[in-house]
Amino acid sequence: MKKQLFFAFCVSGLFLASCKKQHSCQCVTTFSKTGYSSYTVSSTENIDKKVTKKTGEQMCLQAEKQMTKNHQDYISGPSEKITVSCSLK
């Protein structure tokens, strides 16, 4: 009986250890302009389960850089500011 319990415990431990966590990249974009209230938008994108935490962090950093670059085209003056911040969840 003890051997069966030990075997069941070991097998269940292997299954729990092999489960991969679902990572996602959450980005928060804040638009602000002098004289107006700031406006914040949040978005979350799921990342493939095969991606490691380190790779996921790099993907979020790249997404932050790309979104910042894309939003720079919409700034029409020095009083406007767009801030993007992405993090792995």
N, C-alpha and C. Protein backbone atom coordinates (compact mmCIF):
# COMPACT_ATOMS: atom_id res chain seq x y z
N MET A 1 0.82 -1.19 0.00
CA MET A 1 0.00 0.00 0.00
C MET A 1 0.87 1.27 0.00
N LYS A 2 1.95 1.24 0.79
CA LYS A 2 2.82 2.40 0.85
C LYS A 2 3.50 2.64 -0.49
N LYS A 3 3.84 1.55 -1.19
CA LYS A 3 4.49 1.70 -2.50
C LYS A 3 3.53 2.33 -3.50
N GLN A 4 2.26 1.96 -3.45
CA GLN A 4 1.27 2.51 -4.36
C GLN A 4 1.06 4.00 -4.10
N LEU A 5 0.99 4.38 -2.85
CA LEU A 5 0.84 5.80 -2.51
C LEU A 5 2.07 6.59 -2.95
N PHE A 6 3.24 6.04 -2.71
CA PHE A 6 4.46 6.72 -3.11
C PHE A 6 4.52 6.88 -4.63
N PHE A 7 4.15 5.82 -5.35
CA PHE A 7 4.15 5.87 -6.82
C PHE A 7 3.13 6.90 -7.32
N ALA A 8 1.95 6.92 -6.74
CA ALA A 8 0.92 7.89 -7.14
C ALA A 8 1.40 9.32 -6.86
N PHE A 9 2.04 9.52 -5.74
CA PHE A 9 2.57 10.84 -5.38
C PHE A 9 3.63 11.29 -6.37
N CYS A 10 4.53 10.39 -6.74
CA CYS A 10 5.60 10.72 -7.70
C CYS A 10 5.03 11.05 -9.07
N VAL A 11 4.07 10.29 -9.54
CA VAL A 11 3.46 10.52 -10.85
C VAL A 11 2.73 11.86 -10.86
N SER A 12 1.98 12.14 -9.81
CA SER A 12 1.26 13.42 -9.77
C SER A 12 2.24 14.59 -9.70
N GLY A 13 3.35 14.41 -9.03
CA GLY A 13 4.38 15.45 -8.98
C GLY A 13 4.98 15.73 -10.35
N LEU A 14 5.17 14.70 -11.14
CA LEU A 14 5.70 14.88 -12.49
C LEU A 14 4.72 15.65 -13.37
N PHE A 15 3.43 15.33 -13.24
CA PHE A 15 2.44 16.04 -14.03
C PHE A 15 2.37 17.51 -13.65
N LEU A 16 2.45 17.81 -12.37
CA LEU A 16 2.41 19.20 -11.94
C LEU A 16 3.66 19.96 -12.37
N ALA A 17 4.79 19.31 -12.35
CA ALA A 17 6.04 19.96 -12.73
C ALA A 17 6.11 20.21 -14.23
N SER A 18 5.44 19.38 -15.01
CA SER A 18 5.54 19.53 -16.45
C SER A 18 4.52 20.51 -17.02
N CYS A 19 3.59 20.99 -16.21
CA CYS A 19 2.61 21.97 -16.68
C CYS A 19 3.31 23.29 -16.98
N LYS A 20 3.01 23.86 -18.12
CA LYS A 20 3.60 25.14 -18.48
C LYS A 20 2.60 26.24 -18.16
N LYS A 21 3.12 27.34 -17.68
CA LYS A 21 2.28 28.47 -17.33
C LYS A 21 1.95 29.27 -18.58
N GLN A 22 0.71 29.72 -18.66
CA GLN A 22 0.29 30.57 -19.77
C GLN A 22 0.71 32.01 -19.46
N HIS A 23 1.63 32.54 -20.24
CA HIS A 23 2.09 33.91 -20.05
C HIS A 23 1.28 34.84 -20.94
N SER A 24 1.21 36.09 -20.54
CA SER A 24 0.59 37.11 -21.36
C SER A 24 1.36 38.41 -21.19
N CYS A 25 1.25 39.24 -22.18
CA CYS A 25 1.92 40.54 -22.17
C CYS A 25 0.85 41.61 -22.01
N GLN A 26 0.93 42.37 -20.92
CA GLN A 26 -0.05 43.41 -20.67
C GLN A 26 0.61 44.76 -20.92
N CYS A 27 0.01 45.54 -21.80
CA CYS A 27 0.54 46.85 -22.14
C CYS A 27 -0.46 47.94 -21.73
N VAL A 28 0.06 49.01 -21.14
CA VAL A 28 -0.75 50.15 -20.73
C VAL A 28 -0.22 51.36 -21.50
N THR A 29 -1.11 52.02 -22.23
CA THR A 29 -0.75 53.19 -23.02
C THR A 29 -1.48 54.40 -22.45
N THR A 30 -0.74 55.46 -22.16
CA THR A 30 -1.33 56.68 -21.61
C THR A 30 -1.09 57.83 -22.59
N PHE A 31 -2.18 58.48 -22.96
CA PHE A 31 -2.13 59.65 -23.83
C PHE A 31 -2.39 60.88 -22.97
N SER A 32 -1.53 61.88 -23.08
CA SER A 32 -1.75 63.11 -22.31
C SER A 32 -1.43 64.32 -23.17
N LYS A 33 -2.15 65.40 -22.89
CA LYS A 33 -1.95 66.66 -23.60
C LYS A 33 -2.21 67.79 -22.61
N THR A 34 -1.40 68.81 -22.68
CA THR A 34 -1.53 69.93 -21.78
C THR A 34 -2.94 70.52 -21.88
N GLY A 35 -3.58 70.68 -20.72
CA GLY A 35 -4.93 71.26 -20.69
C GLY A 35 -6.03 70.23 -20.77
N TYR A 36 -5.71 68.97 -20.95
CA TYR A 36 -6.71 67.91 -21.06
C TYR A 36 -6.41 66.81 -20.05
N SER A 37 -7.43 66.04 -19.72
CA SER A 37 -7.23 64.87 -18.84
C SER A 37 -6.52 63.78 -19.62
N SER A 38 -5.66 63.01 -18.93
CA SER A 38 -4.98 61.92 -19.63
C SER A 38 -5.94 60.76 -19.83
N TYR A 39 -5.64 59.96 -20.84
CA TYR A 39 -6.49 58.85 -21.26
C TYR A 39 -5.61 57.59 -21.28
N THR A 40 -6.05 56.55 -20.60
CA THR A 40 -5.26 55.32 -20.50
C THR A 40 -6.00 54.15 -21.14
N VAL A 41 -5.26 53.36 -21.91
CA VAL A 41 -5.79 52.17 -22.56
C VAL A 41 -4.91 50.99 -22.16
N SER A 42 -5.54 49.88 -21.80
CA SER A 42 -4.80 48.68 -21.42
C SER A 42 -5.17 47.55 -22.36
N SER A 43 -4.18 46.77 -22.75
CA SER A 43 -4.43 45.62 -23.62
C SER A 43 -3.59 44.44 -23.15
N THR A 44 -4.13 43.24 -23.33
CA THR A 44 -3.43 42.02 -22.94
C THR A 44 -3.40 41.06 -24.12
N GLU A 45 -2.23 40.51 -24.37
CA GLU A 45 -2.06 39.55 -25.47
C GLU A 45 -1.46 38.27 -24.91
N ASN A 46 -2.13 37.15 -25.13
CA ASN A 46 -1.61 35.86 -24.67
C ASN A 46 -0.39 35.46 -25.48
N ILE A 47 0.54 34.78 -24.82
CA ILE A 47 1.76 34.31 -25.45
C ILE A 47 1.71 32.79 -25.48
N ASP A 48 2.26 32.19 -26.50
CA ASP A 48 2.27 30.74 -26.67
C ASP A 48 2.84 30.05 -25.43
N LYS A 49 2.26 28.92 -25.06
CA LYS A 49 2.70 28.18 -23.87
C LYS A 49 4.13 27.67 -23.98
N LYS A 50 4.66 27.54 -25.18
CA LYS A 50 6.00 27.00 -25.37
C LYS A 50 7.10 28.02 -25.07
N VAL A 51 6.72 29.25 -24.79
CA VAL A 51 7.67 30.33 -24.56
C VAL A 51 8.10 30.36 -23.10
N THR A 52 9.39 30.51 -22.87
CA THR A 52 9.90 30.61 -21.50
C THR A 52 9.62 32.01 -20.96
N LYS A 53 9.79 32.16 -19.66
CA LYS A 53 9.55 33.45 -19.02
C LYS A 53 10.51 34.51 -19.57
N LYS A 54 11.76 34.16 -19.73
CA LYS A 54 12.76 35.10 -20.24
C LYS A 54 12.41 35.56 -21.66
N THR A 55 12.02 34.63 -22.51
CA THR A 55 11.64 34.98 -23.88
C THR A 55 10.38 35.84 -23.88
N GLY A 56 9.45 35.51 -22.99
CA GLY A 56 8.22 36.31 -22.88
C GLY A 56 8.51 37.74 -22.47
N GLU A 57 9.46 37.92 -21.55
CA GLU A 57 9.85 39.27 -21.13
C GLU A 57 10.46 40.04 -22.30
N GLN A 58 11.27 39.36 -23.10
CA GLN A 58 11.87 40.00 -24.27
C GLN A 58 10.79 40.38 -25.29
N MET A 59 9.78 39.51 -25.44
CA MET A 59 8.69 39.81 -26.37
C MET A 59 7.90 41.03 -25.91
N CYS A 60 7.67 41.14 -24.60
CA CYS A 60 6.95 42.30 -24.07
C CYS A 60 7.76 43.58 -24.26
N LEU A 61 9.06 43.51 -24.04
CA LEU A 61 9.92 44.66 -24.24
C LEU A 61 9.90 45.11 -25.71
N GLN A 62 9.93 44.15 -26.60
CA GLN A 62 9.88 44.48 -28.04
C GLN A 62 8.53 45.09 -28.40
N ALA A 63 7.45 44.56 -27.83
CA ALA A 63 6.12 45.12 -28.08
C ALA A 63 6.04 46.56 -27.58
N GLU A 64 6.63 46.82 -26.42
CA GLU A 64 6.64 48.18 -25.87
C GLU A 64 7.37 49.15 -26.80
N LYS A 65 8.53 48.73 -27.28
CA LYS A 65 9.31 49.56 -28.20
C LYS A 65 8.54 49.84 -29.50
N GLN A 66 7.91 48.79 -30.04
CA GLN A 66 7.21 48.94 -31.30
C GLN A 66 5.97 49.83 -31.14
N MET A 67 5.23 49.64 -30.05
CA MET A 67 4.04 50.47 -29.82
C MET A 67 4.44 51.94 -29.61
N THR A 68 5.53 52.18 -28.90
CA THR A 68 6.00 53.55 -28.69
C THR A 68 6.36 54.19 -30.02
N LYS A 69 7.05 53.45 -30.85
CA LYS A 69 7.44 53.96 -32.18
C LYS A 69 6.20 54.24 -33.04
N ASN A 70 5.23 53.33 -33.00
CA ASN A 70 4.01 53.51 -33.80
C ASN A 70 3.22 54.74 -33.36
N HIS A 71 3.17 54.99 -32.05
CA HIS A 71 2.39 56.11 -31.54
C HIS A 71 3.07 57.45 -31.78
N GLN A 72 4.36 57.47 -32.01
CA GLN A 72 5.07 58.73 -32.24
C GLN A 72 4.54 59.44 -33.49
N ASP A 73 4.01 58.68 -34.44
CA ASP A 73 3.46 59.27 -35.67
C ASP A 73 2.21 60.11 -35.39
N TYR A 74 1.53 59.87 -34.27
CA TYR A 74 0.29 60.56 -33.97
C TYR A 74 0.47 61.80 -33.10
N ILE A 75 1.67 62.05 -32.62
CA ILE A 75 1.93 63.24 -31.82
C ILE A 75 2.01 64.44 -32.75
N SER A 76 1.18 65.45 -32.45
CA SER A 76 1.14 66.60 -33.35
C SER A 76 1.78 67.86 -32.76
N GLY A 77 2.29 67.76 -31.54
CA GLY A 77 2.93 68.94 -30.96
C GLY A 77 3.67 68.60 -29.69
N PRO A 78 4.43 69.57 -29.17
CA PRO A 78 5.23 69.31 -27.97
C PRO A 78 4.38 69.14 -26.70
N SER A 79 3.11 69.55 -26.73
CA SER A 79 2.26 69.42 -25.53
C SER A 79 1.64 68.04 -25.40
N GLU A 80 1.81 67.19 -26.41
CA GLU A 80 1.26 65.83 -26.37
C GLU A 80 2.33 64.83 -25.96
N LYS A 81 1.91 63.85 -25.17
CA LYS A 81 2.86 62.83 -24.72
C LYS A 81 2.15 61.48 -24.70
N ILE A 82 2.83 60.45 -25.20
CA ILE A 82 2.30 59.09 -25.19
C ILE A 82 3.32 58.21 -24.47
N THR A 83 2.84 57.48 -23.46
CA THR A 83 3.70 56.60 -22.67
C THR A 83 3.17 55.18 -22.80
N VAL A 84 4.06 54.23 -23.12
CA VAL A 84 3.69 52.82 -23.23
C VAL A 84 4.53 52.03 -22.25
N SER A 85 3.86 51.14 -21.51
CA SER A 85 4.55 50.29 -20.55
C SER A 85 4.00 48.87 -20.67
N CYS A 86 4.84 47.90 -20.97
CA CYS A 86 4.42 46.50 -21.11
C CYS A 86 5.12 45.62 -20.07
N SER A 87 4.39 44.64 -19.55
CA SER A 87 4.98 43.73 -18.58
C SER A 87 4.41 42.32 -18.78
N LEU A 88 5.19 41.35 -18.39
CA LEU A 88 4.79 39.95 -18.50
C LEU A 88 3.92 39.57 -17.32
N LYS A 89 2.82 38.96 -17.58
CA LYS A 89 1.89 38.53 -16.51
C LYS A 89 1.76 37.03 -16.55
